[in-house]
PDB file of all heavy atoms in Angstrom:
ATOM      1  N   LEU A   1      83.041  60.694 183.414  1.00  0.00           N
ATOM      2  CA  LEU A   1      81.597  60.621 183.313  1.00  0.00           C
ATOM      3  C   LEU A   1      81.258  60.278 181.864  1.00  0.00           C
ATOM      4  O   LEU A   1      81.889  60.783 180.930  1.00  0.00           O
ATOM      5  CB  LEU A   1      80.947  61.949 183.703  1.00  0.00           C
ATOM      6  CG  LEU A   1      81.218  62.437 185.121  1.00  0.00           C
ATOM      7  CD1 LEU A   1      80.571  63.786 185.346  1.00  0.00           C
ATOM      8  CD2 LEU A   1      80.725  61.428 186.167  1.00  0.00           C
ATOM      9  N   MET A   2      80.226  59.445 181.666  1.00  0.00           N
ATOM     10  CA  MET A   2      79.954  58.878 180.348  1.00  0.00           C
ATOM     11  C   MET A   2      78.473  58.919 180.003  1.00  0.00           C
ATOM     12  O   MET A   2      77.609  58.725 180.867  1.00  0.00           O
ATOM     13  CB  MET A   2      80.446  57.431 180.295  1.00  0.00           C
ATOM     14  CG  MET A   2      81.944  57.286 180.473  1.00  0.00           C
ATOM     15  SD  MET A   2      82.412  55.654 181.147  1.00  0.00           S
ATOM     16  CE  MET A   2      82.056  55.896 182.895  1.00  0.00           C
ATOM     17  N   ARG A   3      78.193  59.135 178.742  1.00  0.00           N
ATOM     18  CA  ARG A   3      76.841  58.980 178.183  1.00  0.00           C
ATOM     19  C   ARG A   3      76.462  57.512 178.224  1.00  0.00           C
ATOM     20  O   ARG A   3      77.301  56.630 178.030  1.00  0.00           O
ATOM     21  CB  ARG A   3      76.852  59.484 176.738  1.00  0.00           C
ATOM     22  CG  ARG A   3      75.671  59.079 175.890  1.00  0.00           C
ATOM     23  CD  ARG A   3      75.890  59.546 174.465  1.00  0.00           C
ATOM     24  NE  ARG A   3      74.828  59.078 173.572  1.00  0.00           N
ATOM     25  CZ  ARG A   3      74.742  59.407 172.284  1.00  0.00           C
ATOM     26  NH1 ARG A   3      75.644  60.200 171.743  1.00  0.00           N
ATOM     27  NH2 ARG A   3      73.742  58.939 171.542  1.00  0.00           N
ATOM     28  N   SER A   4      75.176  57.233 178.416  1.00  0.00           N
ATOM     29  CA  SER A   4      74.714  55.845 178.445  1.00  0.00           C
ATOM     30  C   SER A   4      73.501  55.657 177.548  1.00  0.00           C
ATOM     31  O   SER A   4      72.790  56.605 177.209  1.00  0.00           O
ATOM     32  CB  SER A   4      74.341  55.430 179.879  1.00  0.00           C
ATOM     33  OG  SER A   4      73.107  56.016 180.267  1.00  0.00           O
ATOM     34  N   THR A   5      73.265  54.417 177.181  1.00  0.00           N
ATOM     35  CA  THR A   5      72.055  54.067 176.455  1.00  0.00           C
ATOM     36  C   THR A   5      70.866  54.140 177.396  1.00  0.00           C
ATOM     37  O   THR A   5      71.005  54.151 178.620  1.00  0.00           O
ATOM     38  CB  THR A   5      72.142  52.652 175.871  1.00  0.00           C
ATOM     39  OG1 THR A   5      72.354  51.733 176.949  1.00  0.00           O
ATOM     40  CG2 THR A   5      73.278  52.527 174.879  1.00  0.00           C
ATOM     41  N   ARG A   6      69.659  54.101 176.800  1.00  0.00           N
ATOM     42  CA  ARG A   6      68.452  54.194 177.603  1.00  0.00           C
ATOM     43  C   ARG A   6      68.241  52.953 178.466  1.00  0.00           C
ATOM     44  O   ARG A   6      67.485  52.972 179.446  1.00  0.00           O
ATOM     45  CB  ARG A   6      67.243  54.445 176.714  1.00  0.00           C
ATOM     46  CG  ARG A   6      67.255  55.857 176.131  1.00  0.00           C
ATOM     47  CD  ARG A   6      66.076  56.116 175.241  1.00  0.00           C
ATOM     48  NE  ARG A   6      66.160  57.449 174.659  1.00  0.00           N
ATOM     49  CZ  ARG A   6      65.367  57.910 173.698  1.00  0.00           C
ATOM     50  NH1 ARG A   6      64.422  57.112 173.203  1.00  0.00           N
ATOM     51  NH2 ARG A   6      65.506  59.140 173.216  1.00  0.00           N
ATOM     52  N   ALA A   7      68.912  51.850 178.114  1.00  0.00           N
ATOM     53  CA  ALA A   7      68.818  50.662 178.956  1.00  0.00           C
ATOM     54  C   ALA A   7      69.381  50.935 180.356  1.00  0.00           C
ATOM     55  O   ALA A   7      68.931  50.362 181.343  1.00  0.00           O
ATOM     56  CB  ALA A   7      69.577  49.503 178.306  1.00  0.00           C
ATOM     57  N   ILE A   8      70.382  51.803 180.439  1.00  0.00           N
ATOM     58  CA  ILE A   8      70.936  52.226 181.730  1.00  0.00           C
ATOM     59  C   ILE A   8      70.181  53.474 182.201  1.00  0.00           C
ATOM     60  O   ILE A   8      69.736  53.554 183.334  1.00  0.00           O
ATOM     61  CB  ILE A   8      72.437  52.492 181.630  1.00  0.00           C
ATOM     62  CG1 ILE A   8      73.177  51.236 181.180  1.00  0.00           C
ATOM     63  CG2 ILE A   8      72.993  52.990 182.961  1.00  0.00           C
ATOM     64  CD1 ILE A   8      74.653  51.453 180.914  1.00  0.00           C
ATOM     65  N   GLY A   9      70.106  54.474 181.339  1.00  0.00           N
ATOM     66  CA  GLY A   9      69.303  55.659 181.629  1.00  0.00           C
ATOM     67  C   GLY A   9      69.903  56.649 182.589  1.00  0.00           C
ATOM     68  O   GLY A   9      69.252  57.595 183.007  1.00  0.00           O
ATOM     69  N   GLN A  10      71.166  56.465 182.964  1.00  0.00           N
ATOM     70  CA  GLN A  10      71.848  57.378 183.894  1.00  0.00           C
ATOM     71  C   GLN A  10      73.256  57.655 183.366  1.00  0.00           C
ATOM     72  O   GLN A  10      73.864  56.792 182.719  1.00  0.00           O
ATOM     73  CB  GLN A  10      71.969  56.765 185.288  1.00  0.00           C
ATOM     74  CG  GLN A  10      70.671  56.263 185.898  1.00  0.00           C
ATOM     75  CD  GLN A  10      69.688  57.345 186.228  1.00  0.00           C
ATOM     76  OE1 GLN A  10      68.519  57.271 185.863  1.00  0.00           O
ATOM     77  NE2 GLN A  10      70.158  58.388 186.902  1.00  0.00           N
ATOM     78  N   ILE A  11      73.771  58.833 183.645  1.00  0.00           N
ATOM     79  CA  ILE A  11      75.198  59.066 183.422  1.00  0.00           C
ATOM     80  C   ILE A  11      75.989  58.072 184.252  1.00  0.00           C
ATOM     81  O   ILE A  11      75.625  57.743 185.398  1.00  0.00           O
ATOM     82  CB  ILE A  11      75.567  60.513 183.786  1.00  0.00           C
ATOM     83  CG1 ILE A  11      74.966  61.492 182.767  1.00  0.00           C
ATOM     84  CG2 ILE A  11      77.091  60.707 183.876  1.00  0.00           C
ATOM     85  CD1 ILE A  11      75.159  62.952 183.107  1.00  0.00           C
ATOM     86  N   CYS A  12      77.075  57.557 183.689  1.00  0.00           N
ATOM     87  CA  CYS A  12      77.902  56.568 184.386  1.00  0.00           C
ATOM     88  C   CYS A  12      79.255  57.157 184.758  1.00  0.00           C
ATOM     89  O   CYS A  12      79.705  58.170 184.178  1.00  0.00           O
ATOM     90  CB  CYS A  12      78.084  55.328 183.526  1.00  0.00           C
ATOM     91  SG  CYS A  12      76.572  54.377 183.303  1.00  0.00           S
ATOM     92  N   ARG A  13      79.904  56.516 185.704  1.00  0.00           N
ATOM     93  CA  ARG A  13      81.214  56.987 186.212  1.00  0.00           C
ATOM     94  C   ARG A  13      82.169  55.828 186.344  1.00  0.00           C
ATOM     95  O   ARG A  13      81.797  54.697 186.705  1.00  0.00           O
ATOM     96  CB  ARG A  13      81.014  57.646 187.589  1.00  0.00           C
ATOM     97  CG  ARG A  13      82.338  57.995 188.291  1.00  0.00           C
ATOM     98  CD  ARG A  13      82.110  58.757 189.562  1.00  0.00           C
ATOM     99  NE  ARG A  13      83.380  58.946 190.284  1.00  0.00           N
ATOM    100  CZ  ARG A  13      83.645  59.951 191.099  1.00  0.00           C
ATOM    101  NH1 ARG A  13      82.724  60.870 191.338  1.00  0.00           N
ATOM    102  NH2 ARG A  13      84.831  60.053 191.703  1.00  0.00           N
ATOM    103  N   ALA A  14      83.460  56.107 186.057  1.00  0.00           N
ATOM    104  CA  ALA A  14      84.560  55.185 186.345  1.00  0.00           C
ATOM    105  C   ALA A  14      85.709  55.987 186.938  1.00  0.00           C
ATOM    106  O   ALA A  14      85.810  57.212 186.722  1.00  0.00           O
ATOM    107  CB  ALA A  14      85.011  54.452 185.087  1.00  0.00           C
ATOM    108  N   ASP A  15      86.601  55.326 187.692  1.00  0.00           N
ATOM    109  CA  ASP A  15      87.663  56.009 188.420  1.00  0.00           C
ATOM    110  C   ASP A  15      89.026  55.407 188.113  1.00  0.00           C
ATOM    111  O   ASP A  15      89.141  54.226 187.817  1.00  0.00           O
ATOM    112  CB  ASP A  15      87.400  55.922 189.926  1.00  0.00           C
ATOM    113  CG  ASP A  15      86.151  56.661 190.347  1.00  0.00           C
ATOM    114  OD1 ASP A  15      85.041  56.074 190.225  1.00  0.00           O
ATOM    115  OD2 ASP A  15      86.258  57.822 190.764  1.00  0.00           O
ATOM    116  N   SER A  16      90.064  56.257 188.208  1.00  0.00           N
ATOM    117  CA  SER A  16      91.438  55.804 188.031  1.00  0.00           C
ATOM    118  C   SER A  16      92.311  56.416 189.108  1.00  0.00           C
ATOM    119  O   SER A  16      92.243  57.635 189.366  1.00  0.00           O
ATOM    120  CB  SER A  16      91.969  56.227 186.652  1.00  0.00           C
ATOM    121  OG  SER A  16      93.351  55.908 186.538  1.00  0.00           O
ATOM    122  N   SER A  17      93.137  55.601 189.725  1.00  0.00           N
ATOM    123  CA  SER A  17      94.075  56.069 190.758  1.00  0.00           C
ATOM    124  C   SER A  17      95.516  56.022 190.284  1.00  0.00           C
ATOM    125  O   SER A  17      96.427  56.271 191.098  1.00  0.00           O
ATOM    126  CB  SER A  17      93.911  55.251 192.038  1.00  0.00           C
ATOM    127  OG  SER A  17      94.171  53.878 191.779  1.00  0.00           O
ATOM    128  N   ASP A  18      95.757  55.726 188.992  1.00  0.00           N
ATOM    129  CA  ASP A  18      97.134  55.603 188.508  1.00  0.00           C
ATOM    130  C   ASP A  18      97.368  56.416 187.237  1.00  0.00           C
ATOM    131  O   ASP A  18      98.068  55.988 186.322  1.00  0.00           O
ATOM    132  CB  ASP A  18      97.474  54.123 188.260  1.00  0.00           C
ATOM    133  CG  ASP A  18      96.506  53.438 187.301  1.00  0.00           C
ATOM    134  OD1 ASP A  18      95.679  54.131 186.701  1.00  0.00           O
ATOM    135  OD2 ASP A  18      96.610  52.193 187.162  1.00  0.00           O
ATOM    136  N   GLY A  19      96.785  57.600 187.182  1.00  0.00           N
ATOM    137  CA  GLY A  19      97.036  58.492 186.051  1.00  0.00           C
ATOM    138  C   GLY A  19      96.372  58.058 184.758  1.00  0.00           C
ATOM    139  O   GLY A  19      96.849  58.398 183.680  1.00  0.00           O
ATOM    140  N   GLY A  20      95.311  57.294 184.851  1.00  0.00           N
ATOM    141  CA  GLY A  20      94.578  56.897 183.663  1.00  0.00           C
ATOM    142  C   GLY A  20      95.048  55.616 183.018  1.00  0.00           C
ATOM    143  O   GLY A  20      94.580  55.278 181.934  1.00  0.00           O
ATOM    144  N   LEU A  21      95.946  54.885 183.667  1.00  0.00           N
ATOM    145  CA  LEU A  21      96.407  53.615 183.103  1.00  0.00           C
ATOM    146  C   LEU A  21      95.369  52.524 183.255  1.00  0.00           C
ATOM    147  O   LEU A  21      95.179  51.702 182.358  1.00  0.00           O
ATOM    148  CB  LEU A  21      97.721  53.202 183.774  1.00  0.00           C
ATOM    149  CG  LEU A  21      98.964  54.003 183.366  1.00  0.00           C
ATOM    150  CD1 LEU A  21     100.132  53.682 184.286  1.00  0.00           C
ATOM    151  CD2 LEU A  21      99.327  53.724 181.924  1.00  0.00           C
ATOM    152  N   THR A  22      94.703  52.487 184.402  1.00  0.00           N
ATOM    153  CA  THR A  22      93.635  51.512 184.617  1.00  0.00           C
ATOM    154  C   THR A  22      92.429  52.229 185.200  1.00  0.00           C
ATOM    155  O   THR A  22      92.553  53.274 185.864  1.00  0.00           O
ATOM    156  CB  THR A  22      94.071  50.392 185.583  1.00  0.00           C
ATOM    157  OG1 THR A  22      94.420  50.961 186.863  1.00  0.00           O
ATOM    158  CG2 THR A  22      95.294  49.647 185.043  1.00  0.00           C
ATOM    159  N   TRP A  23      91.252  51.632 184.967  1.00  0.00           N
ATOM    160  CA  TRP A  23      89.998  52.245 185.367  1.00  0.00           C
ATOM    161  C   TRP A  23      89.080  51.189 185.982  1.00  0.00           C
ATOM    162  O   TRP A  23      89.104  50.025 185.591  1.00  0.00           O
ATOM    163  CB  TRP A  23      89.297  52.880 184.166  1.00  0.00           C
ATOM    164  CG  TRP A  23      90.077  54.037 183.582  1.00  0.00           C
ATOM    165  CD1 TRP A  23      91.114  53.971 182.708  1.00  0.00           C
ATOM    166  CD2 TRP A  23      89.871  55.424 183.860  1.00  0.00           C
ATOM    167  NE1 TRP A  23      91.580  55.236 182.419  1.00  0.00           N
ATOM    168  CE2 TRP A  23      90.827  56.140 183.122  1.00  0.00           C
ATOM    169  CE3 TRP A  23      88.964  56.112 184.661  1.00  0.00           C
ATOM    170  CZ2 TRP A  23      90.920  57.536 183.149  1.00  0.00           C
ATOM    171  CZ3 TRP A  23      89.044  57.508 184.705  1.00  0.00           C
ATOM    172  CH2 TRP A  23      90.009  58.205 183.947  1.00  0.00           C
ATOM    173  N   THR A  24      88.245  51.620 186.904  1.00  0.00           N
ATOM    174  CA  THR A  24      87.232  50.732 187.440  1.00  0.00           C
ATOM    175  C   THR A  24      86.159  50.497 186.374  1.00  0.00           C
ATOM    176  O   THR A  24      86.086  51.190 185.361  1.00  0.00           O
ATOM    177  CB  THR A  24      86.553  51.355 188.668  1.00  0.00           C
ATOM    178  OG1 THR A  24      85.842  52.533 188.261  1.00  0.00           O
ATOM    179  CG2 THR A  24      87.575  51.729 189.726  1.00  0.00           C
ATOM    180  N   ALA A  25      85.327  49.493 186.593  1.00  0.00           N
ATOM    181  CA  ALA A  25      84.135  49.340 185.749  1.00  0.00           C
ATOM    182  C   ALA A  25      83.228  50.528 185.935  1.00  0.00           C
ATOM    183  O   ALA A  25      83.242  51.222 186.964  1.00  0.00           O
ATOM    184  CB  ALA A  25      83.405  48.048 186.127  1.00  0.00           C
ATOM    185  N   ALA A  26      82.420  50.799 184.903  1.00  0.00           N
ATOM    186  CA  ALA A  26      81.487  51.920 184.986  1.00  0.00           C
ATOM    187  C   ALA A  26      80.305  51.555 185.867  1.00  0.00           C
ATOM    188  O   ALA A  26      79.872  50.402 185.917  1.00  0.00           O
ATOM    189  CB  ALA A  26      80.996  52.264 183.583  1.00  0.00           C
ATOM    190  N   ARG A  27      79.801  52.545 186.562  1.00  0.00           N
ATOM    191  CA  ARG A  27      78.595  52.377 187.375  1.00  0.00           C
ATOM    192  C   ARG A  27      77.665  53.562 187.147  1.00  0.00           C
ATOM    193  O   ARG A  27      78.104  54.683 186.905  1.00  0.00           O
ATOM    194  CB  ARG A  27      78.949  52.276 188.856  1.00  0.00           C
ATOM    195  CG  ARG A  27      79.570  53.519 189.453  1.00  0.00           C
ATOM    196  CD  ARG A  27      80.047  53.294 190.866  1.00  0.00           C
ATOM    197  NE  ARG A  27      80.498  54.497 191.543  1.00  0.00           N
ATOM    198  CZ  ARG A  27      81.689  55.040 191.400  1.00  0.00           C
ATOM    199  NH1 ARG A  27      82.589  54.469 190.587  1.00  0.00           N
ATOM    200  NH2 ARG A  27      82.019  56.147 192.059  1.00  0.00           N
ATOM    201  N   ALA A  28      76.376  53.291 187.216  1.00  0.00           N
ATOM    202  CA  ALA A  28      75.375  54.336 186.986  1.00  0.00           C
ATOM    203  C   ALA A  28      75.264  55.241 188.200  1.00  0.00           C
ATOM    204  O   ALA A  28      75.353  54.786 189.350  1.00  0.00           O
ATOM    205  CB  ALA A  28      74.028  53.701 186.668  1.00  0.00           C
TER     206      ALA A  28
END
């Protein structure tokens, strides 16, 4: 979970299924 600028205005999330080696793009 990530802090965002006011341009997004929502906490964002990204996911990893391989132990943190790769991650999806962030989404609000």
